[in-house]
Each structure stands twice: as C-alpha cells, then as structure tokens.
Amino acid sequence: MERIESAITSAIRHRPLNALITETFDLARHQAKEAIKRGQKPFPLVVKDCYALKGVRATCASKMLKDYVPPYTATSVQRLIDSGGCVIGKGNMDEYSMGTSSALGHFGPVKNGLSNLEKLDDDWVVAGGSSGGPAVSVQMGIADCSIGSDTGGSVRNPAAFTGVFGFKPTYGTISRYGLIPLVNSLDAPSIFAQSAEECWRFFEIAAGQDANDSTSIDPKTSLLSKKLSDLVIGIPKEYHNESLTDEAWQLWNRAANILTRLGAKVQTVSLPLTKYSLICYHVASGGDIASNMARYDSVAYGHRSSNNQSTFELYSSSRTESLNSVVKKRIHFGNYFLMKKHRKEYFERALKVRRLIAEEMWKAFKEVDLLLTPTACGVAPLFSQLHGENFARESDDDFYTQPVNMAGVPAVSIPLGTSPSSNLPLSVQLIGDRLQDRLVLEVAEQLYKAR
C-alpha cells in the first residue's frame, strides 16, 4: 500500500508534465486493498489511454472520445490488475496514437521529466510518442509498469527519450482485445519498466492466448538456451545513415564493444530493404487507419456537432471539429490509397513490399541471433526544435524502429548512456527473431549491467 501512495504522491507532484489524462487514485487504492486480500504485492500501473478500462473514460487523447467510457476492460490490463496492478491513471499520448512526440493531443502535450521545470510553459524536452505519458510515468516513479502500444516504435521511441526500458514483444503474444486499434496487423501491446527483468516480469503476466483475439499466441518462456559467448550479434550497416548523430553512433559502437567483451561475436549484416520501410508503412497503414477511423461517425458514440442539418453535415462537422490535423491527413491518405483506381498501384504494392522487408529480417536471423541498432537518431529534441523543423525529426527516428513491426519480431530499447553535451538519455535497441522475447530481454539485462 505504501508504494501505491508514493506513486499517487508522485503523480500529483508531477502534474505539470501532463503524463496522465485521467487520474484514478481512488480506484488504485481499492485495487491495492483487493490485491493485499489475495496475498499479492500491489504495484502501480499506468495504462495508455487507448486501452479500455471499465468505468474509466478512454479518450485516445482526442476530442472525439473525450467522454467515452468503455463497458469492459482490455485483456492485457485485466491480467495485470489480477496480478496486483493498481491503475494510477490513463496515460497521455498522441491523438489516436498517430505521432512520435505526444505533443498534439487534445489534452495538451506530455513533457519529459528531464525538461527545465522553471521554463516548462515556454519549452520542454519532447517525451517521444505516441506513448509519451506512460513513459514519463515510469520515468518519474508514478508507475512500476506502464502498458503502451507500439505500431512503429511508439513504445521504444519514448523509452529512449525518457531513459527507461521499452519492450515491444512478438506480435500476438499480448492480446489486442480492448486496445483501440491504429493498424491492426502492426499494433503490439508493449511494456515500459525500469529494467529488462521487470519488462519480462510484466510481460509474463500480460502475455498468452486470449479467446477474444484470434491473432493471440502463447510466448516461449524457456530460459536462455545459449551462453552469451555462443551468440552472434548482427550490426545492420544501413542503420548508420545520415540522420544518426555522432553521439548515437558512439553509443551504438560502445554497446557492440561491450557485447564483444562479454564473449559474443559481432558481425555486420545487410538489410537493404530497410530504406523502403517508412514509406511502405505510411501506405499500408493508411488503409487500416481510414477503415478504423470510419467508426467515429458521432452517432453511436463520440463528439457530436451542433450542425445536424443533414446526416452528411453531422458526420462531416463532428469529425472536422474533433480530430486534429495529423489524424485528418492520415484518413485522407488512407482513403486515397484504397480507391479502386489506386489500390493496386499503392496499397497492394505496399503489402508486397512489407512482406519482402519482413522476410529479409527473418532471413537475417538465420545468420545471427540478435540485431543491435540505435533506437533513435539522437537525444530527445526540444519541442521548439521539433516544431521548427515541421516535425521532420519524427520520420528520422521512425527509420530505426518501424521495420521491427513489419516483421512482427520482439525488440527492446535499452538506456545505455547519456549525451556528453546535453546529459539527456541515449539508447540502443536489441531485436530478436519471432518468439525470442526472453533472449532479447536477457541479453538486454546483461548489456545494461555491463555498461
């Protein structure tokens, strides 16, 4: 109970960071008492606000869903609660998980705990996204575990910017039931924690087949079958590109040297199709986004405009008033790619390229056990820098994380150091083959301890 109260105190103290959309302190206290009755040790949990939690609003950081209260709880969230999780609040995010800054949601921007608190109203260090609120919650001690969603790096990116661990598991190992979808075939419920060991602990709780999600599978939980000295670590040469800063490159190089010192063999590999991953993602995901967003017609639920002169006016006005510019653009793009005259040229071609990108990565794991890459091109920028560059930095960072989702493989962001110039966190990423979640996390833990 003491840990829950300290988490609530931390949440109150760090309200200026805007990590939570909805605070559920009374619910957390009730859940803690119930956990103690069951003989469990309560732990503070923050849930990204795109997950259903019965009786608590799920907004997706959008005006469209600002008053939506789901009548059920997501499977992954319920499993964590059943094991002692106490929900401190719903984490702030990019609207409908579209973005990597958590800065443009309806409820205001998430601000990194490493920002200058005296100048927080003027500028701040970006928290990353789209799961910025859950990341900051772990960073500031509001939660021991946060559950986010990772579609193209939405957990690993904010983990890198805030200096915590962000683990994206094999696609399907954690049920998507109760996760409001962005891109159904890429969305992966994912974990934030302060260590790789903690990531595994919470992953074991949340993972496993679910009758409500036909894509769900059971993970492999066996211990590491190889010694670190028997492992081969691949360094994809394409990830050393023009966007990568010297500081990020030096940390990547240092991580490779640590693994070599620990006995692993490190070798270069080539993933030439990686450069097509980002554009492929935008086309392929656009179809899912346009389809998923079609349900928000303001009739069954969601913001309803006062302009109801006709059904068309109601639909159009409600969506115009309640969705931000990023969401609107992606809906437009998705509908364009799905048009009969464009479908074969864009959407179906993107699906074929996606398959090639995935197969290229799967093939690499026949030669190496793990891949080591940067998580982002550098440290977290100030919001003024990001905005001044018209958010171009977001695409630079997505380059390092997005291919993992194409292949459905596990990956973890490891906070391995800090920038000598800014003292902000720098991270590397370990990627494993499908269902090698435990291998990824065990090597990540050894790498972190040897830093």
Protein backbone atom coordinates (compact mmCIF):
# COMPACT_ATOMS: atom_id res chain seq x y z
CA MET A 1 0.00 0.00 0.00
CA GLU A 2 2.92 2.30 0.75
CA ARG A 3 4.19 2.00 -2.84
CA ILE A 4 0.76 2.92 -4.21
CA GLU A 5 0.55 6.01 -2.01
CA SER A 6 4.04 7.10 -3.04
CA ALA A 7 3.05 6.66 -6.72
CA ILE A 8 -0.05 8.81 -6.17
CA THR A 9 2.09 11.46 -4.45
CA SER A 10 4.49 11.40 -7.41
CA ALA A 11 1.59 11.74 -9.86
CA ILE A 12 0.31 14.81 -8.02
CA ARG A 13 3.78 16.36 -7.77
CA HIS A 14 4.45 15.87 -11.47
CA ARG A 15 1.12 17.07 -12.83
CA PRO A 16 2.87 19.87 -14.79
CA LEU A 17 4.37 17.15 -17.02
CA ASN A 18 0.83 16.20 -18.11
CA ALA A 19 1.61 12.47 -18.18
CA LEU A 20 -1.95 11.45 -17.22
CA ILE A 21 -5.21 12.33 -18.92
CA THR A 22 -7.39 10.78 -16.23
CA GLU A 23 -6.27 10.16 -12.64
CA THR A 24 -7.76 7.10 -10.91
CA PHE A 25 -6.29 7.36 -7.41
CA ASP A 26 -9.33 6.01 -5.55
CA LEU A 27 -9.53 3.06 -7.94
CA ALA A 28 -5.82 2.34 -7.34
CA ARG A 29 -6.31 2.35 -3.58
CA HIS A 30 -9.27 -0.02 -3.90
CA GLN A 31 -7.31 -2.34 -6.19
CA ALA A 32 -4.38 -2.31 -3.75
CA LYS A 33 -6.62 -3.42 -0.88
CA GLU A 34 -8.07 -6.20 -3.02
CA ALA A 35 -4.58 -7.33 -4.05
CA ILE A 36 -3.45 -7.48 -0.43
CA LYS A 37 -6.51 -9.61 0.41
CA ARG A 38 -5.40 -12.02 -2.33
CA GLY A 39 -1.92 -12.17 -0.83
CA GLN A 40 -0.34 -10.16 -3.64
CA LYS A 41 2.06 -7.25 -3.54
CA PRO A 42 0.38 -4.24 -5.19
CA PHE A 43 2.30 -2.33 -7.85
CA PRO A 44 1.40 1.00 -9.52
CA LEU A 45 0.29 0.72 -13.14
CA VAL A 46 -0.38 3.36 -15.80
CA VAL A 47 -2.44 2.42 -18.86
CA LYS A 48 -2.14 4.28 -22.14
CA ASP A 49 -5.44 5.99 -22.87
CA CYS A 50 -6.18 3.85 -25.92
CA TYR A 51 -6.98 0.82 -23.74
CA ALA A 52 -10.40 0.03 -22.34
CA LEU A 53 -10.76 0.11 -18.55
CA LYS A 54 -14.30 -0.49 -17.38
CA GLY A 55 -15.90 2.60 -15.90
CA VAL A 56 -12.99 4.91 -16.78
CA ARG A 57 -13.03 7.06 -19.90
CA ALA A 58 -10.81 6.04 -22.84
CA THR A 59 -10.15 9.16 -24.89
CA CYS A 60 -7.25 8.31 -27.26
CA ALA A 61 -6.25 11.93 -26.45
CA SER A 62 -9.00 13.09 -28.82
CA LYS A 63 -11.94 15.43 -28.51
CA MET A 64 -13.90 12.77 -30.39
CA LEU A 65 -13.73 10.36 -27.43
CA LYS A 66 -13.34 12.81 -24.54
CA ASP A 67 -16.44 11.43 -22.80
CA TYR A 68 -16.36 7.78 -23.96
CA VAL A 69 -16.48 5.28 -21.09
CA PRO A 70 -15.98 1.62 -22.11
CA PRO A 71 -18.14 -1.10 -20.53
CA TYR A 72 -15.29 -3.64 -20.34
CA THR A 73 -11.55 -3.92 -19.62
CA ALA A 74 -8.79 -4.87 -22.07
CA THR A 75 -7.44 -8.39 -21.55
CA SER A 76 -3.83 -7.26 -21.01
CA VAL A 77 -4.89 -4.63 -18.47
CA GLN A 78 -7.14 -7.08 -16.61
CA ARG A 79 -4.34 -9.63 -16.35
CA LEU A 80 -2.04 -7.03 -14.81
CA ILE A 81 -4.76 -5.93 -12.38
CA ASP A 82 -5.43 -9.56 -11.42
CA SER A 83 -1.74 -9.89 -10.52
CA GLY A 84 -1.62 -6.85 -8.25
CA GLY A 85 -1.65 -3.93 -10.71
CA CYS A 86 -3.23 -0.77 -9.35
CA VAL A 87 -4.17 1.74 -12.04
CA ILE A 88 -2.91 5.21 -11.08
CA GLY A 89 -4.27 6.76 -14.25
CA LYS A 90 -4.68 6.72 -18.02
CA GLY A 91 -1.53 7.83 -19.85
CA ASN A 92 -1.48 10.83 -22.20
CA MET A 93 -0.47 10.19 -25.81
CA ASP A 94 -0.53 11.34 -29.41
CA GLU A 95 -4.11 11.55 -30.70
CA TYR A 96 -5.19 8.05 -31.78
CA SER A 97 -1.51 7.00 -31.44
CA MET A 98 -0.55 8.99 -34.55
CA GLY A 99 2.81 10.66 -33.92
CA THR A 100 6.12 10.32 -32.07
CA SER A 101 6.07 13.40 -29.84
CA SER A 102 2.93 13.12 -27.65
CA ALA A 103 2.64 16.87 -28.21
CA LEU A 104 -0.52 17.38 -30.29
CA GLY A 105 -3.22 15.55 -28.34
CA HIS A 106 -6.46 17.23 -27.28
CA PHE A 107 -5.45 17.27 -23.61
CA GLY A 108 -2.14 19.04 -24.16
CA PRO A 109 1.45 17.88 -24.63
CA VAL A 110 3.32 15.37 -22.48
CA LYS A 111 6.54 16.91 -21.18
CA ASN A 112 9.69 14.93 -20.48
CA GLY A 113 10.74 14.79 -16.83
CA LEU A 114 14.20 15.98 -17.92
CA SER A 115 12.82 19.33 -19.06
CA ASN A 116 13.75 22.61 -17.36
CA LEU A 117 10.85 22.80 -14.89
CA GLU A 118 11.27 26.55 -14.42
CA LYS A 119 10.64 27.16 -18.14
CA LEU A 120 8.12 24.39 -18.73
CA ASP A 121 5.45 26.72 -20.10
CA ASP A 122 7.81 28.12 -22.75
CA ASP A 123 9.58 24.98 -23.99
CA TRP A 124 10.25 21.42 -22.95
CA VAL A 125 12.14 18.28 -23.85
CA VAL A 126 9.94 16.05 -26.03
CA ALA A 127 8.74 12.88 -24.31
CA GLY A 128 8.52 10.85 -27.52
CA GLY A 129 5.47 9.05 -28.75
CA SER A 130 2.95 8.01 -29.25
CA SER A 131 3.09 6.51 -25.72
CA GLY A 132 4.71 9.54 -24.08
CA GLY A 133 2.55 9.64 -20.94
CA PRO A 134 3.17 6.01 -19.93
CA ALA A 135 6.92 6.51 -20.50
CA VAL A 136 7.09 9.62 -18.31
CA SER A 137 5.02 7.78 -15.67
CA VAL A 138 7.74 5.13 -15.30
CA GLN A 139 10.47 7.77 -15.58
CA MET A 140 9.05 9.79 -12.66
CA GLY A 141 8.07 6.88 -10.40
CA ILE A 142 4.33 7.22 -10.98
CA ALA A 143 4.28 3.60 -12.17
CA ASP A 144 6.44 0.48 -11.88
CA CYS A 145 4.87 -0.71 -15.11
CA SER A 146 3.13 1.15 -17.90
CA ILE A 147 1.40 -0.54 -20.78
CA GLY A 148 1.56 1.23 -24.14
CA SER A 149 1.03 0.28 -27.75
CA ASP A 150 3.78 0.04 -30.36
CA THR A 151 2.82 0.25 -34.05
CA GLY A 152 6.07 1.60 -35.47
CA GLY A 153 8.14 2.42 -32.40
CA SER A 154 5.55 4.10 -30.17
CA VAL A 155 6.94 2.49 -27.01
CA ARG A 156 10.63 2.19 -27.87
CA ASN A 157 10.91 5.83 -29.00
CA PRO A 158 9.57 7.43 -25.79
CA ALA A 159 11.54 4.89 -23.75
CA ALA A 160 14.70 6.13 -25.45
CA PHE A 161 13.80 9.79 -24.88
CA THR A 162 12.97 9.30 -21.19
CA GLY A 163 15.74 6.85 -20.25
CA VAL A 164 13.63 3.80 -19.37
CA PHE A 165 13.24 0.33 -20.88
CA GLY A 166 10.62 -0.08 -23.60
CA PHE A 167 9.83 -3.63 -24.72
CA LYS A 168 7.82 -4.44 -27.85
CA PRO A 169 7.11 -8.21 -27.83
CA THR A 170 6.48 -10.63 -30.67
CA TYR A 171 3.25 -9.71 -32.46
CA GLY A 172 0.34 -11.61 -30.94
CA THR A 173 1.94 -12.60 -27.63
CA ILE A 174 -0.10 -9.95 -25.78
CA SER A 175 -3.79 -9.79 -26.67
CA ARG A 176 -5.04 -6.70 -28.53
CA TYR A 177 -8.57 -7.13 -27.16
CA GLY A 178 -9.56 -3.80 -25.63
CA LEU A 179 -6.84 -1.84 -27.45
CA ILE A 180 -8.42 0.81 -29.67
CA PRO A 181 -6.72 -0.02 -32.97
CA LEU A 182 -4.48 2.06 -35.16
CA VAL A 183 -3.09 -0.56 -37.58
CA ASN A 184 -4.43 -3.98 -36.66
CA SER A 185 -1.61 -6.02 -38.21
CA LEU A 186 1.15 -3.94 -36.62
CA ASP A 187 -0.23 -2.90 -33.19
CA ALA A 188 1.63 -4.57 -30.32
CA PRO A 189 0.71 -4.01 -26.66
CA SER A 190 4.08 -3.23 -25.06
CA ILE A 191 5.74 -2.66 -21.70
CA PHE A 192 7.63 0.18 -20.01
CA ALA A 193 9.69 -0.60 -16.90
CA GLN A 194 12.93 0.35 -15.16
CA SER A 195 14.79 -2.83 -16.13
CA ALA A 196 14.73 -5.66 -18.65
CA GLU A 197 13.98 -8.07 -15.80
CA GLU A 198 10.91 -6.05 -14.88
CA CYS A 199 9.83 -5.97 -18.52
CA TRP A 200 9.92 -9.78 -18.55
CA ARG A 201 8.03 -10.00 -15.26
CA PHE A 202 5.16 -7.85 -16.52
CA PHE A 203 5.24 -9.43 -19.98
CA GLU A 204 4.75 -12.90 -18.46
CA ILE A 205 1.70 -11.62 -16.62
CA ALA A 206 0.07 -9.95 -19.63
CA ALA A 207 1.01 -12.45 -22.35
CA GLY A 208 -0.79 -15.53 -23.62
CA GLN A 209 -3.65 -16.63 -25.80
CA ASP A 210 -6.99 -14.90 -25.47
CA ALA A 211 -10.30 -16.20 -26.83
CA ASN A 212 -11.23 -12.60 -27.67
CA ASP A 213 -8.23 -12.12 -30.00
CA SER A 214 -7.82 -14.68 -32.78
CA THR A 215 -4.29 -13.42 -33.52
CA SER A 216 -3.05 -14.05 -29.98
CA ILE A 217 -0.45 -16.75 -29.27
CA ASP A 218 1.43 -18.11 -26.28
CA PRO A 219 5.01 -16.90 -25.84
CA LYS A 220 8.06 -19.07 -25.32
CA THR A 221 9.16 -18.81 -21.70
CA SER A 222 12.16 -21.16 -21.62
CA LEU A 223 15.46 -19.96 -20.21
CA LEU A 224 18.29 -18.73 -22.42
CA SER A 225 19.44 -21.83 -24.30
CA LYS A 226 22.79 -20.33 -25.33
CA LYS A 227 25.56 -18.68 -23.38
CA LEU A 228 26.30 -15.12 -24.39
CA SER A 229 29.64 -16.37 -25.70
CA ASP A 230 27.74 -18.55 -28.19
CA LEU A 231 25.64 -15.71 -29.57
CA VAL A 232 26.18 -13.85 -32.84
CA ILE A 233 25.09 -10.19 -32.85
CA GLY A 234 24.36 -8.52 -36.19
CA ILE A 235 25.04 -4.84 -36.89
CA PRO A 236 22.88 -3.69 -39.84
CA LYS A 237 25.06 -1.34 -41.85
CA GLU A 238 22.05 0.52 -43.29
CA TYR A 239 21.23 1.89 -39.83
CA HIS A 240 24.38 4.04 -39.94
CA ASN A 241 22.75 6.72 -42.07
CA GLU A 242 22.97 10.47 -42.49
CA SER A 243 20.41 11.12 -39.71
CA LEU A 244 22.39 9.35 -37.00
CA THR A 245 24.23 11.77 -34.70
CA ASP A 246 27.83 11.19 -33.63
CA GLU A 247 26.72 10.68 -30.03
CA ALA A 248 24.21 8.00 -31.01
CA TRP A 249 26.80 6.29 -33.23
CA GLN A 250 29.37 6.29 -30.43
CA LEU A 251 26.90 4.69 -28.03
CA TRP A 252 25.97 2.07 -30.63
CA ASN A 253 29.67 1.30 -31.12
CA ARG A 254 30.19 1.14 -27.35
CA ALA A 255 27.31 -1.34 -26.99
CA ALA A 256 28.85 -3.56 -29.67
CA ASN A 257 32.20 -3.43 -27.85
CA ILE A 258 30.54 -4.39 -24.54
CA LEU A 259 28.87 -7.41 -26.15
CA THR A 260 32.20 -8.41 -27.68
CA ARG A 261 33.86 -8.11 -24.26
CA LEU A 262 31.12 -10.32 -22.80
CA GLY A 263 32.03 -13.00 -25.33
CA ALA A 264 29.51 -12.53 -28.13
CA LYS A 265 30.58 -12.47 -31.76
CA VAL A 266 29.65 -9.25 -33.53
CA GLN A 267 29.39 -9.07 -37.32
CA THR A 268 27.97 -6.75 -39.95
CA VAL A 269 24.77 -7.68 -41.75
CA SER A 270 22.89 -6.01 -44.58
CA LEU A 271 19.19 -5.13 -44.63
CA PRO A 272 18.93 -3.13 -47.88
CA LEU A 273 15.12 -3.04 -47.92
CA THR A 274 15.04 -1.11 -44.64
CA LYS A 275 15.09 2.19 -46.55
CA TYR A 276 11.66 1.35 -48.02
CA SER A 277 10.08 0.52 -44.68
CA LEU A 278 8.88 4.00 -43.75
CA ILE A 279 7.09 4.80 -47.00
CA CYS A 280 5.71 1.27 -47.08
CA TYR A 281 4.37 1.78 -43.56
CA HIS A 282 2.60 5.02 -44.44
CA VAL A 283 0.83 3.46 -47.42
CA ALA A 284 -0.03 0.10 -45.83
CA SER A 285 -1.10 1.62 -42.52
CA GLY A 286 -3.21 4.25 -44.27
CA GLY A 287 -5.76 1.65 -45.32
CA ASP A 288 -6.19 0.35 -41.78
CA ILE A 289 -6.37 3.86 -40.37
CA ALA A 290 -9.06 5.00 -42.82
CA SER A 291 -11.05 1.85 -42.09
CA ASN A 292 -10.67 2.04 -38.32
CA MET A 293 -11.50 5.75 -38.15
CA ALA A 294 -14.71 5.24 -40.15
CA ARG A 295 -16.48 4.07 -36.98
CA TYR A 296 -16.29 7.58 -35.48
CA ASP A 297 -19.46 8.93 -37.03
CA SER A 298 -20.76 10.62 -33.83
CA VAL A 299 -23.97 8.58 -33.95
CA ALA A 300 -23.18 5.55 -31.82
CA TYR A 301 -20.66 7.44 -29.69
CA GLY A 302 -18.18 10.30 -29.83
CA HIS A 303 -18.33 14.08 -30.17
CA ARG A 304 -21.49 15.29 -31.91
CA SER A 305 -21.57 18.63 -33.70
CA SER A 306 -24.49 21.01 -33.32
CA ASN A 307 -24.54 21.23 -37.12
CA ASN A 308 -27.08 18.47 -37.74
CA GLN A 309 -28.97 19.86 -40.74
CA SER A 310 -28.36 16.57 -42.53
CA THR A 311 -26.65 13.26 -41.86
CA PHE A 312 -23.75 14.30 -44.09
CA GLU A 313 -23.37 17.65 -42.26
CA LEU A 314 -23.44 15.85 -38.90
CA TYR A 315 -20.73 13.36 -39.92
CA SER A 316 -18.54 15.98 -41.57
CA SER A 317 -18.82 18.67 -38.92
CA SER A 318 -18.36 16.27 -36.00
CA ARG A 319 -15.16 14.82 -37.44
CA THR A 320 -13.84 18.23 -38.53
CA GLU A 321 -14.36 19.68 -35.06
CA SER A 322 -12.95 16.76 -33.08
CA LEU A 323 -9.96 15.34 -35.00
CA ASN A 324 -6.57 17.03 -35.25
CA SER A 325 -4.73 17.73 -38.50
CA VAL A 326 -2.47 14.66 -38.27
CA VAL A 327 -5.43 12.30 -37.96
CA LYS A 328 -7.33 14.01 -40.79
CA LYS A 329 -4.33 13.76 -43.12
CA ARG A 330 -3.91 10.05 -42.47
CA ILE A 331 -7.61 9.41 -43.11
CA HIS A 332 -7.33 11.27 -46.41
CA PHE A 333 -4.19 9.36 -47.41
CA GLY A 334 -5.73 6.02 -46.47
CA ASN A 335 -8.89 6.61 -48.47
CA TYR A 336 -6.81 7.72 -51.45
CA PHE A 337 -4.71 4.53 -51.34
CA LEU A 338 -7.85 2.38 -51.05
CA MET A 339 -9.64 3.92 -54.03
CA LYS A 340 -10.29 1.40 -56.77
CA LYS A 341 -8.02 3.17 -59.23
CA HIS A 342 -5.13 3.42 -56.72
CA ARG A 343 -5.44 0.22 -54.69
CA LYS A 344 -3.22 -1.96 -56.88
CA GLU A 345 -0.68 0.78 -57.55
CA TYR A 346 -0.19 1.77 -53.91
CA PHE A 347 -1.88 -0.33 -51.23
CA GLU A 348 -1.39 -3.83 -52.66
CA ARG A 349 2.15 -3.00 -53.72
CA ALA A 350 2.93 -1.75 -50.21
CA LEU A 351 1.70 -5.05 -48.75
CA LYS A 352 4.05 -6.94 -51.06
CA VAL A 353 6.99 -4.73 -50.06
CA ARG A 354 6.09 -5.21 -46.41
CA ARG A 355 6.36 -8.96 -46.91
CA LEU A 356 9.80 -8.56 -48.51
CA ILE A 357 11.01 -6.38 -45.63
CA ALA A 358 9.78 -8.94 -43.08
CA GLU A 359 11.33 -11.87 -44.95
CA GLU A 360 14.65 -10.02 -45.19
CA MET A 361 14.74 -9.59 -41.42
CA TRP A 362 13.66 -13.21 -40.77
CA LYS A 363 16.41 -14.38 -43.10
CA ALA A 364 18.98 -12.35 -41.16
CA PHE A 365 18.13 -14.33 -38.03
CA LYS A 366 19.35 -17.48 -39.76
CA GLU A 367 22.84 -15.93 -39.62
CA VAL A 368 22.70 -14.04 -36.32
CA ASP A 369 20.86 -14.41 -33.02
CA LEU A 370 20.14 -10.73 -32.41
CA LEU A 371 20.42 -7.38 -34.15
CA LEU A 372 21.87 -4.33 -32.41
CA THR A 373 20.79 -0.89 -33.66
CA PRO A 374 20.20 2.66 -32.39
CA THR A 375 16.68 3.33 -31.08
CA ALA A 376 16.63 6.93 -32.32
CA CYS A 377 18.94 9.20 -34.29
CA GLY A 378 19.90 11.18 -31.18
CA VAL A 379 18.69 12.60 -27.88
CA ALA A 380 15.18 13.95 -27.39
CA PRO A 381 14.79 17.39 -29.02
CA LEU A 382 13.18 20.44 -27.51
CA PHE A 383 9.63 20.96 -28.71
CA SER A 384 10.64 24.28 -30.27
CA GLN A 385 13.24 22.44 -32.38
CA LEU A 386 10.79 19.72 -33.41
CA HIS A 387 8.10 22.23 -34.33
CA GLY A 388 10.58 24.48 -36.11
CA GLU A 389 11.59 21.56 -38.35
CA ASN A 390 7.92 20.80 -39.09
CA PHE A 391 8.23 17.50 -37.20
CA ALA A 392 10.70 16.08 -39.76
CA ARG A 393 12.68 14.52 -36.89
CA GLU A 394 9.81 12.07 -36.33
CA SER A 395 10.48 10.30 -39.64
CA ASP A 396 14.23 10.22 -38.92
CA ASP A 397 13.57 8.35 -35.67
CA ASP A 398 10.92 6.03 -37.12
CA PHE A 399 13.56 4.67 -39.51
CA TYR A 400 15.20 2.73 -36.64
CA THR A 401 12.08 1.26 -35.05
CA GLN A 402 9.48 0.77 -37.77
CA PRO A 403 10.92 -2.32 -39.58
CA VAL A 404 10.52 -4.36 -36.39
CA ASN A 405 6.73 -4.02 -36.60
CA MET A 406 6.76 -5.02 -40.26
CA ALA A 407 8.40 -8.31 -39.27
CA GLY A 408 6.40 -8.82 -36.04
CA VAL A 409 9.58 -9.54 -34.07
CA PRO A 410 10.48 -8.56 -30.48
CA ALA A 411 12.70 -5.57 -29.66
CA VAL A 412 13.72 -3.61 -26.58
CA SER A 413 15.11 -0.10 -26.12
CA ILE A 414 17.94 -0.06 -23.57
CA PRO A 415 19.01 3.22 -21.87
CA LEU A 416 22.75 2.71 -22.09
CA GLY A 417 24.16 6.18 -21.58
CA THR A 418 23.76 9.93 -21.71
CA SER A 419 24.84 12.63 -24.09
CA PRO A 420 28.07 14.39 -23.01
CA SER A 421 26.71 17.68 -24.41
CA SER A 422 23.14 17.69 -23.07
CA ASN A 423 23.13 14.96 -20.39
CA LEU A 424 19.97 13.53 -21.98
CA PRO A 425 19.49 9.75 -22.35
CA LEU A 426 20.78 7.75 -25.30
CA SER A 427 19.60 4.23 -26.05
CA VAL A 428 20.29 1.23 -28.24
CA GLN A 429 17.87 -1.40 -29.49
CA LEU A 430 18.15 -5.18 -29.44
CA ILE A 431 15.98 -7.07 -31.93
CA GLY A 432 15.33 -10.81 -31.91
CA ASP A 433 13.62 -13.41 -34.07
CA ARG A 434 9.95 -14.25 -33.59
CA LEU A 435 9.18 -15.67 -30.13
CA GLN A 436 12.71 -14.98 -28.90
CA ASP A 437 11.36 -12.44 -26.41
CA ARG A 438 13.21 -13.89 -23.45
CA LEU A 439 16.53 -13.99 -25.30
CA VAL A 440 16.14 -10.32 -26.22
CA LEU A 441 15.45 -9.30 -22.62
CA GLU A 442 18.12 -11.49 -21.02
CA VAL A 443 20.84 -10.12 -23.29
CA ALA A 444 19.48 -6.60 -22.76
CA GLU A 445 19.83 -7.04 -19.00
CA GLN A 446 23.40 -8.30 -19.31
CA LEU A 447 24.31 -5.46 -21.66
CA TYR A 448 22.80 -2.88 -19.31
CA LYS A 449 24.60 -4.24 -16.24
CA ALA A 450 27.94 -4.25 -18.08
CA ARG A 451 27.63 -0.68 -19.38
